[in-house]
Amino acid sequence: MPSNKSVSDAPITQFINCRILRDHHLQREDLWVREGRILDPEKLFFDEKGYADERVDCEGSIIAPGFIDVQINGGYGIDFSQPSNDVSSGISLVAQKILEHGVTSFCPTLVTSPPSVYHKVLPQVKVHGGGRHGAGVLGFHLEGPFISLEKKGAHPEQYLRTFSSGGKDDLMETYGGLDNVAMVTLAPELPNSQSAVRELCQRGITVSLGHSVANLSQAEEAVQAGASFITHLFNAMLPFHHRDPGIVGLLTSDQIPPGRMVYYGMIADGIHTNPAALRIAHRAHPSGPPGPWLVLVTDAITAMGLPPGRHTLGQQVVEIQGLHAYVAGTTTLCGSIATMDMCVRHFKQASGCSVEEALEGASLHPAQLLGISHKKGNLDYGSDADLVLLDDALNVKATYISGEEVWRRGA
């Protein structure tokens, strides 16, 4: 049988002296990469040349899949919800900076804005892969404006919207288009929201429930229509009540359709969620299907990576005091200034979870949520070689995208 010479001759990189996260366990084995993908070494040894062109000594590091942040509003002085004629350059700056925090893919998130902002911003940024230029863009996360007035949080009240009889028309009128959109957060108690949920799901867009006063029945109906995520669990929703637990009740609902997964986002920054609440969320996560599955998000805003002071979040002014971000002049929290590696470390410390569980919350689960776990979020053979090298304290030592080193501590 003729061999594919062009594939066989492609250079191979072997990562040695490492523990790799595979099948939910850290395993002491080498990792082989060729043409940006993870290679099955058995195929290499039995069918091909049997050696690597380059060896990378990981010096005992953990190798995990690159982190995926599905909710990040900006950082380093950039606010994704601020319209400009060059939105892509701001996204590129953040994409470059978050490499040092192990993030290899992300969803730029827009908070509630007037339609003119969506119409201007959304067409400017396409889904694209990562590399030396920065983390890859998986598509926008549109958080609002179809959310609850009572649980608006930092979202500006004057731009909130409701659905008319047909959800599709409202979506298109507000956003202008849905190309390059990965996720939409909405409140399922809004009248006619179910048709919007179905329309988004038919387009392959993940629907998340959040900024909502929905009861459990309304949340379950949205999941039955296709919703699959909860935006920052416990924050901007009704608190748990034993007679009607609201959206939080989805964690143990028996009304989830067979084969349907429900994921939930957690801002593990030490500010948004008490450690006891983090432990509740972690322990609600079973060891196997059907879920729910915990996803770590930063919900980071413009002020991430900047000193204390006044900054923006969309149409709002934000004040940073220590690790807290408030709507200026209030005590309303509005996003975080945490980085993803900080969230991974804090989640492990606060919840008592395993290293593997903490790492999968930032990699495997967000990839599964977005339907891209066939290529990202794991170190399976054939997956993209998006990697983060960490020490035992889960500090990032180096970040790789498609097998290429894109950031290294001290370099």
Protein backbone atom coordinates (compact mmCIF):
# COMPACT_ATOMS: atom_id res chain seq x y z
CA MET A 1 0.00 0.00 0.00
CA PRO A 2 1.57 3.36 -0.99
CA SER A 3 2.41 5.69 1.91
CA ASN A 4 1.44 9.33 1.99
CA LYS A 5 4.93 10.76 1.72
CA SER A 6 3.96 14.38 2.33
CA VAL A 7 2.36 13.41 5.66
CA SER A 8 5.19 11.05 6.64
CA ASP A 9 7.83 13.69 5.98
CA ALA A 10 6.16 16.40 8.07
CA PRO A 11 8.31 17.24 11.12
CA ILE A 12 7.31 15.60 14.39
CA THR A 13 7.67 17.14 17.86
CA GLN A 14 7.90 14.92 20.94
CA PHE A 15 7.11 16.42 24.36
CA ILE A 16 8.99 14.41 27.00
CA ASN A 17 9.25 14.39 30.80
CA CYS A 18 5.63 15.45 31.29
CA ARG A 19 2.26 14.37 32.69
CA ILE A 20 -0.51 14.74 30.15
CA LEU A 21 -4.23 15.10 30.87
CA ARG A 22 -5.95 12.33 28.95
CA ASP A 23 -9.09 10.31 29.77
CA HIS A 24 -9.66 12.46 32.88
CA HIS A 25 -6.32 11.47 34.42
CA LEU A 26 -2.79 12.84 34.46
CA GLN A 27 -0.61 10.21 32.80
CA ARG A 28 3.15 9.99 32.59
CA GLU A 29 3.70 9.62 28.87
CA ASP A 30 5.12 11.56 25.96
CA LEU A 31 2.99 13.70 23.67
CA TRP A 32 3.64 13.60 19.93
CA VAL A 33 2.59 16.40 17.55
CA ARG A 34 2.68 16.73 13.77
CA GLU A 35 1.15 19.38 11.52
CA GLY A 36 -0.59 21.05 14.44
CA ARG A 37 -2.34 17.90 15.64
CA ILE A 38 -1.75 15.29 18.30
CA LEU A 39 -0.30 12.12 16.82
CA ASP A 40 -0.91 8.50 17.77
CA PRO A 41 2.62 7.23 18.55
CA GLU A 42 1.64 3.64 17.73
CA LYS A 43 0.96 4.67 14.15
CA LEU A 44 4.25 6.51 14.15
CA PHE A 45 6.29 3.52 15.28
CA PHE A 46 4.61 0.80 13.25
CA ASP A 47 3.82 2.62 10.00
CA GLU A 48 6.38 5.38 9.70
CA LYS A 49 9.86 6.56 10.64
CA GLY A 50 9.60 6.02 14.39
CA TYR A 51 11.41 9.08 15.68
CA ALA A 52 10.84 12.78 16.40
CA ASP A 53 12.49 15.67 14.59
CA GLU A 54 12.40 17.81 17.74
CA ARG A 55 12.19 17.02 21.43
CA VAL A 56 10.78 19.41 24.04
CA ASP A 57 11.84 18.62 27.61
CA CYS A 58 8.89 19.68 29.77
CA GLU A 59 10.90 19.30 32.99
CA GLY A 60 8.10 17.51 34.81
CA SER A 61 5.33 19.91 33.75
CA ILE A 62 1.66 19.09 33.45
CA ILE A 63 0.39 19.34 29.86
CA ALA A 64 -3.30 20.20 29.63
CA PRO A 65 -5.45 21.22 26.68
CA GLY A 66 -5.36 24.96 26.04
CA PHE A 67 -7.91 26.90 28.07
CA ILE A 68 -11.13 28.13 26.41
CA ASP A 69 -12.87 31.23 27.79
CA VAL A 70 -16.48 31.50 26.60
CA GLN A 71 -17.22 34.73 28.49
CA ILE A 72 -14.69 37.56 28.36
CA ASN A 73 -15.78 41.16 27.84
CA GLY A 74 -12.34 42.61 27.23
CA GLY A 75 -9.15 43.41 29.10
CA TYR A 76 -5.96 45.47 29.03
CA GLY A 77 -7.91 48.64 28.28
CA ILE A 78 -10.02 47.06 25.52
CA ASP A 79 -13.82 46.88 25.81
CA PHE A 80 -15.34 44.61 23.16
CA SER A 81 -18.71 46.38 23.54
CA GLN A 82 -17.31 49.79 22.55
CA PRO A 83 -17.97 50.46 18.85
CA SER A 84 -15.02 51.52 16.73
CA ASN A 85 -13.91 51.26 13.12
CA ASP A 86 -11.22 48.76 14.10
CA VAL A 87 -12.74 46.35 16.61
CA SER A 88 -10.50 43.55 15.38
CA SER A 89 -7.31 45.25 16.55
CA GLY A 90 -8.65 45.47 20.11
CA ILE A 91 -9.68 41.82 20.06
CA SER A 92 -6.24 40.95 18.68
CA LEU A 93 -4.52 42.76 21.56
CA VAL A 94 -6.52 40.83 24.17
CA ALA A 95 -5.99 37.59 22.20
CA GLN A 96 -2.22 38.15 22.40
CA LYS A 97 -2.21 39.03 26.12
CA ILE A 98 -4.29 36.07 27.30
CA LEU A 99 -1.78 33.58 25.88
CA GLU A 100 0.25 34.03 29.06
CA HIS A 101 -2.76 32.80 31.02
CA GLY A 102 -3.03 29.58 29.02
CA VAL A 103 -6.04 30.67 26.93
CA THR A 104 -5.80 29.38 23.36
CA SER A 105 -9.41 30.08 22.23
CA PHE A 106 -12.12 32.48 23.41
CA CYS A 107 -15.52 34.02 22.74
CA PRO A 108 -15.36 37.84 22.78
CA THR A 109 -18.43 38.84 24.78
CA LEU A 110 -20.67 41.85 24.16
CA VAL A 111 -22.89 43.11 26.98
CA THR A 112 -26.30 44.68 26.39
CA SER A 113 -25.90 47.44 23.80
CA PRO A 114 -28.06 49.41 21.34
CA PRO A 115 -28.61 47.72 17.95
CA SER A 116 -26.22 50.18 16.30
CA VAL A 117 -23.33 48.72 18.33
CA TYR A 118 -24.06 45.13 17.29
CA HIS A 119 -24.52 46.20 13.67
CA LYS A 120 -21.11 47.90 13.73
CA VAL A 121 -19.09 45.44 15.80
CA LEU A 122 -20.28 41.97 14.73
CA PRO A 123 -19.36 42.17 11.01
CA GLN A 124 -15.79 43.21 11.81
CA VAL A 125 -14.60 39.98 13.46
CA LYS A 126 -14.63 36.52 11.88
CA VAL A 127 -14.08 33.17 13.54
CA HIS A 128 -10.39 32.33 13.14
CA GLY A 129 -7.70 30.07 14.55
CA GLY A 130 -4.98 31.08 16.97
CA GLY A 131 -1.23 31.29 16.63
CA ARG A 132 1.65 33.58 17.48
CA HIS A 133 -0.70 36.51 16.88
CA GLY A 134 -2.92 35.37 19.76
CA ALA A 135 -5.67 33.02 20.91
CA GLY A 136 -8.25 31.90 18.36
CA VAL A 137 -11.73 33.47 18.15
CA LEU A 138 -14.55 30.92 18.38
CA GLY A 139 -17.33 33.43 17.76
CA PHE A 140 -19.05 36.15 19.76
CA HIS A 141 -20.98 35.59 22.98
CA LEU A 142 -23.88 38.06 23.00
CA GLU A 143 -24.94 38.56 26.63
CA GLY A 144 -28.20 40.45 26.26
CA PRO A 145 -30.14 42.57 25.47
CA PHE A 146 -32.98 40.02 25.86
CA ILE A 147 -32.64 39.82 29.63
CA SER A 148 -34.58 40.62 32.80
CA LEU A 149 -34.91 44.16 34.09
CA GLU A 150 -34.85 42.90 37.69
CA LYS A 151 -31.59 40.99 37.16
CA LYS A 152 -29.89 43.32 34.70
CA GLY A 153 -26.81 43.66 36.91
CA ALA A 154 -24.38 46.00 35.14
CA HIS A 155 -26.34 45.92 31.86
CA PRO A 156 -27.79 49.35 30.94
CA GLU A 157 -31.55 49.35 31.43
CA GLN A 158 -32.34 51.64 28.50
CA TYR A 159 -31.09 49.06 25.96
CA LEU A 160 -32.92 45.99 27.29
CA ARG A 161 -35.31 44.40 24.81
CA THR A 162 -38.16 41.90 24.78
CA PHE A 163 -39.37 39.50 22.08
CA SER A 164 -42.40 40.21 19.92
CA SER A 165 -44.45 37.33 18.50
CA GLY A 166 -41.60 35.95 16.40
CA GLY A 167 -38.20 35.63 18.00
CA LYS A 168 -36.29 35.44 14.72
CA ASP A 169 -37.24 38.94 13.58
CA ASP A 170 -36.24 40.44 16.93
CA LEU A 171 -32.86 38.69 16.81
CA MET A 172 -32.07 39.90 13.31
CA GLU A 173 -33.33 43.42 13.93
CA THR A 174 -31.24 43.73 17.11
CA TYR A 175 -28.03 41.99 16.08
CA GLY A 176 -28.14 42.68 12.35
CA GLY A 177 -26.97 39.13 11.63
CA LEU A 178 -25.82 36.01 13.40
CA ASP A 179 -22.71 35.09 11.44
CA ASN A 180 -19.70 34.49 13.70
CA VAL A 181 -21.94 34.31 16.80
CA ALA A 182 -21.23 31.32 19.05
CA MET A 183 -23.54 31.97 22.01
CA VAL A 184 -26.45 34.14 23.13
CA THR A 185 -27.48 34.68 26.77
CA LEU A 186 -31.18 35.42 27.28
CA ALA A 187 -33.84 35.30 30.00
CA PRO A 188 -36.22 32.37 29.32
CA GLU A 189 -39.18 33.97 31.15
CA LEU A 190 -39.50 36.67 28.48
CA PRO A 191 -42.66 36.08 26.40
CA ASN A 192 -41.95 34.37 23.05
CA SER A 193 -38.40 33.47 24.08
CA GLN A 194 -38.89 29.81 23.12
CA SER A 195 -39.08 30.61 19.39
CA ALA A 196 -35.83 32.59 19.72
CA VAL A 197 -34.17 29.66 21.50
CA ARG A 198 -35.22 27.29 18.73
CA GLU A 199 -34.10 29.68 15.99
CA LEU A 200 -30.65 30.11 17.55
CA CYS A 201 -30.20 26.38 18.12
CA GLN A 202 -31.17 25.61 14.52
CA ARG A 203 -28.33 27.89 13.47
CA GLY A 204 -25.86 26.00 15.66
CA ILE A 205 -25.64 28.83 18.22
CA THR A 206 -25.42 27.87 21.90
CA VAL A 207 -28.22 29.34 24.01
CA SER A 208 -27.48 30.25 27.61
CA LEU A 209 -29.90 31.23 30.37
CA GLY A 210 -28.96 34.18 32.56
CA HIS A 211 -29.77 37.63 33.92
CA SER A 212 -33.15 36.16 34.66
CA VAL A 213 -35.96 35.75 37.20
CA ALA A 214 -37.12 32.50 35.56
CA ASN A 215 -38.70 29.80 37.69
CA LEU A 216 -37.58 26.21 37.27
CA SER A 217 -40.41 25.31 34.90
CA GLN A 218 -39.50 28.17 32.54
CA ALA A 219 -35.84 27.17 32.65
CA GLU A 220 -36.71 23.55 31.90
CA GLU A 221 -38.87 24.59 28.93
CA ALA A 222 -35.92 26.55 27.53
CA VAL A 223 -33.65 23.52 27.87
CA GLN A 224 -36.27 21.36 26.17
CA ALA A 225 -36.25 23.91 23.32
CA GLY A 226 -32.45 23.60 23.05
CA ALA A 227 -30.77 25.84 25.65
CA SER A 228 -27.68 24.18 27.11
CA PHE A 229 -25.80 26.64 29.34
CA ILE A 230 -26.31 28.76 32.45
CA THR A 231 -24.51 32.11 32.46
CA HIS A 232 -22.48 32.66 35.67
CA LEU A 233 -24.47 30.36 37.96
CA PHE A 234 -25.85 32.04 41.13
CA ASN A 235 -25.10 35.53 39.78
CA ALA A 236 -27.93 37.63 38.23
CA MET A 237 -30.65 35.04 38.87
CA LEU A 238 -33.16 34.25 41.60
CA PRO A 239 -31.49 32.76 44.66
CA PHE A 240 -32.21 29.10 45.37
CA HIS A 241 -35.57 28.57 47.08
CA HIS A 242 -36.66 25.13 48.23
CA ARG A 243 -40.16 25.40 46.73
CA ASP A 244 -39.02 26.77 43.39
CA PRO A 245 -35.25 26.65 42.92
CA GLY A 246 -35.32 28.67 39.68
CA ILE A 247 -32.51 28.28 37.15
CA VAL A 248 -30.27 26.83 39.87
CA GLY A 249 -32.66 23.87 39.96
CA LEU A 250 -31.47 22.79 36.50
CA LEU A 251 -28.44 21.27 38.25
CA THR A 252 -30.61 18.43 39.56
CA SER A 253 -33.65 18.64 37.27
CA ASP A 254 -35.25 15.37 36.10
CA GLN A 255 -36.85 17.16 33.12
CA ILE A 256 -33.72 17.37 30.95
CA PRO A 257 -34.35 15.49 27.68
CA PRO A 258 -32.35 12.25 27.25
CA GLY A 259 -28.96 12.87 25.70
CA ARG A 260 -29.11 16.61 26.38
CA MET A 261 -26.34 18.19 28.42
CA VAL A 262 -26.69 21.27 30.63
CA TYR A 263 -23.49 23.17 31.39
CA TYR A 264 -23.07 25.99 33.88
CA GLY A 265 -20.56 28.80 34.02
CA MET A 266 -18.75 29.74 37.22
CA ILE A 267 -16.76 32.91 37.88
CA ALA A 268 -14.21 31.43 40.29
CA ASP A 269 -12.51 34.72 41.09
CA GLY A 270 -13.01 34.65 44.86
CA ILE A 271 -15.41 37.62 44.57
CA HIS A 272 -18.53 36.57 42.66
CA THR A 273 -19.12 33.25 44.38
CA ASN A 274 -18.52 32.29 48.00
CA PRO A 275 -16.29 29.19 48.35
CA ALA A 276 -19.24 27.31 49.88
CA ALA A 277 -21.32 28.05 46.76
CA LEU A 278 -18.42 26.90 44.57
CA ARG A 279 -18.36 23.64 46.53
CA ILE A 280 -22.11 23.18 46.04
CA ALA A 281 -21.69 23.75 42.29
CA HIS A 282 -18.76 21.35 42.12
CA ARG A 283 -20.51 18.59 44.05
CA ALA A 284 -23.60 18.87 41.85
CA HIS A 285 -21.38 17.80 38.97
CA PRO A 286 -21.54 13.99 38.71
CA SER A 287 -18.74 11.75 37.54
CA GLY A 288 -20.51 10.81 34.32
CA PRO A 289 -23.33 11.76 31.92
CA PRO A 290 -25.84 13.34 31.69
CA GLY A 291 -24.34 16.29 33.54
CA PRO A 292 -24.57 19.11 34.52
CA TRP A 293 -21.03 20.13 33.59
CA LEU A 294 -19.10 22.98 35.16
CA VAL A 295 -17.40 25.53 32.89
CA LEU A 296 -14.95 28.07 34.30
CA VAL A 297 -15.30 31.58 32.83
CA THR A 298 -13.47 34.78 33.68
CA ASP A 299 -16.23 37.29 32.78
CA ALA A 300 -13.21 39.60 32.56
CA ILE A 301 -13.70 43.26 31.70
CA THR A 302 -11.59 46.12 30.33
CA ALA A 303 -9.79 46.51 33.64
CA MET A 304 -8.21 43.04 33.62
CA GLY A 305 -4.47 43.65 33.59
CA LEU A 306 -4.86 47.36 34.49
CA PRO A 307 -4.37 49.25 37.77
CA PRO A 308 -7.31 50.32 39.99
CA GLY A 309 -9.38 53.27 38.78
CA ARG A 310 -12.25 54.00 36.40
CA HIS A 311 -12.80 52.05 33.19
CA THR A 312 -15.74 51.10 30.95
CA LEU A 313 -17.98 48.09 30.33
CA GLY A 314 -20.07 48.75 27.25
CA GLN A 315 -22.14 51.85 28.01
CA GLN A 316 -21.33 51.84 31.74
CA VAL A 317 -18.51 53.37 33.81
CA VAL A 318 -16.78 50.81 36.04
CA GLU A 319 -14.73 51.41 39.16
CA ILE A 320 -12.01 48.97 40.23
CA GLN A 321 -11.35 48.62 43.97
CA GLY A 322 -8.84 45.89 44.74
CA LEU A 323 -10.17 42.75 43.04
CA HIS A 324 -13.73 44.12 42.86
CA ALA A 325 -15.27 45.73 39.78
CA TYR A 326 -18.36 47.84 40.45
CA VAL A 327 -20.69 49.99 38.37
CA ALA A 328 -19.31 53.42 39.34
CA GLY A 329 -21.01 54.87 42.41
CA THR A 330 -22.80 51.59 43.29
CA THR A 331 -22.10 48.21 44.89
CA THR A 332 -23.23 46.31 41.76
CA LEU A 333 -20.58 43.86 40.59
CA CYS A 334 -19.91 44.02 36.85
CA GLY A 335 -17.60 41.33 35.61
CA SER A 336 -14.23 40.38 37.00
CA ILE A 337 -10.58 41.24 36.55
CA ALA A 338 -9.49 37.63 37.05
CA THR A 339 -7.48 35.69 34.49
CA MET A 340 -8.34 32.12 33.52
CA ASP A 341 -5.33 30.57 35.26
CA MET A 342 -6.31 32.43 38.45
CA CYS A 343 -9.81 30.97 38.18
CA VAL A 344 -8.45 27.44 37.71
CA ARG A 345 -6.24 27.76 40.79
CA HIS A 346 -8.96 29.34 42.94
CA PHE A 347 -11.56 26.78 41.88
CA LYS A 348 -9.29 23.91 42.85
CA GLN A 349 -8.37 25.49 46.19
CA ALA A 350 -11.94 26.54 47.11
CA SER A 351 -13.82 23.44 45.93
CA GLY A 352 -11.30 20.78 46.87
CA CYS A 353 -11.62 19.27 43.40
CA SER A 354 -8.83 17.34 41.70
CA VAL A 355 -6.24 18.94 39.43
CA GLU A 356 -7.87 17.12 36.52
CA GLU A 357 -11.34 18.49 37.31
CA ALA A 358 -10.04 22.05 37.60
CA LEU A 359 -8.24 21.80 34.27
CA GLU A 360 -11.20 20.21 32.47
CA GLY A 361 -13.46 23.03 33.69
CA ALA A 362 -11.33 25.41 31.61
CA SER A 363 -10.80 23.15 28.59
CA LEU A 364 -12.87 20.02 27.97
CA HIS A 365 -16.20 21.30 29.24
CA PRO A 366 -16.25 24.60 27.32
CA ALA A 367 -15.25 22.68 24.18
CA GLN A 368 -18.11 20.23 24.74
CA LEU A 369 -20.50 23.12 25.37
CA LEU A 370 -19.63 24.71 22.01
CA GLY A 371 -19.66 21.38 20.15
CA ILE A 372 -15.94 21.50 19.27
CA SER A 373 -14.60 18.73 21.52
CA HIS A 374 -13.75 16.65 18.44
CA LYS A 375 -10.82 19.01 17.91
CA LYS A 376 -10.29 21.14 21.04
CA GLY A 377 -10.41 20.79 24.82
CA ASN A 378 -8.67 17.41 24.96
CA LEU A 379 -5.40 15.70 24.07
CA ASP A 380 -6.93 12.85 22.05
CA TYR A 381 -5.19 11.64 18.90
CA GLY A 382 -6.15 13.88 15.99
CA SER A 383 -7.13 16.85 18.18
CA ASP A 384 -5.57 20.29 17.71
CA ALA A 385 -2.28 20.57 19.59
CA ASP A 386 -3.42 23.57 21.66
CA LEU A 387 -1.53 23.03 24.90
CA VAL A 388 -0.74 24.70 28.18
CA LEU A 389 2.26 23.64 30.28
CA LEU A 390 1.79 24.16 34.02
CA ASP A 391 3.73 23.55 37.22
CA ASP A 392 2.23 21.62 40.14
CA ALA A 393 0.73 24.83 41.56
CA LEU A 394 -1.07 25.32 38.20
CA ASN A 395 0.95 28.35 37.18
CA VAL A 396 1.33 28.63 33.41
CA LYS A 397 4.86 27.94 32.14
CA ALA A 398 4.21 27.93 28.38
CA THR A 399 1.38 28.00 25.86
CA TYR A 400 1.28 26.24 22.47
CA ILE A 401 -1.22 26.61 19.62
CA SER A 402 -1.22 23.98 16.87
CA GLY A 403 2.00 22.62 18.36
CA GLU A 404 3.83 25.95 18.09
CA GLU A 405 5.11 27.75 21.18
CA VAL A 406 3.30 31.10 21.39
CA TRP A 407 4.25 32.18 24.92
CA ARG A 408 6.79 31.11 27.54
CA ARG A 409 7.36 32.47 31.03
CA GLY A 410 10.53 34.57 31.12
CA ALA A 411 11.01 34.49 27.35
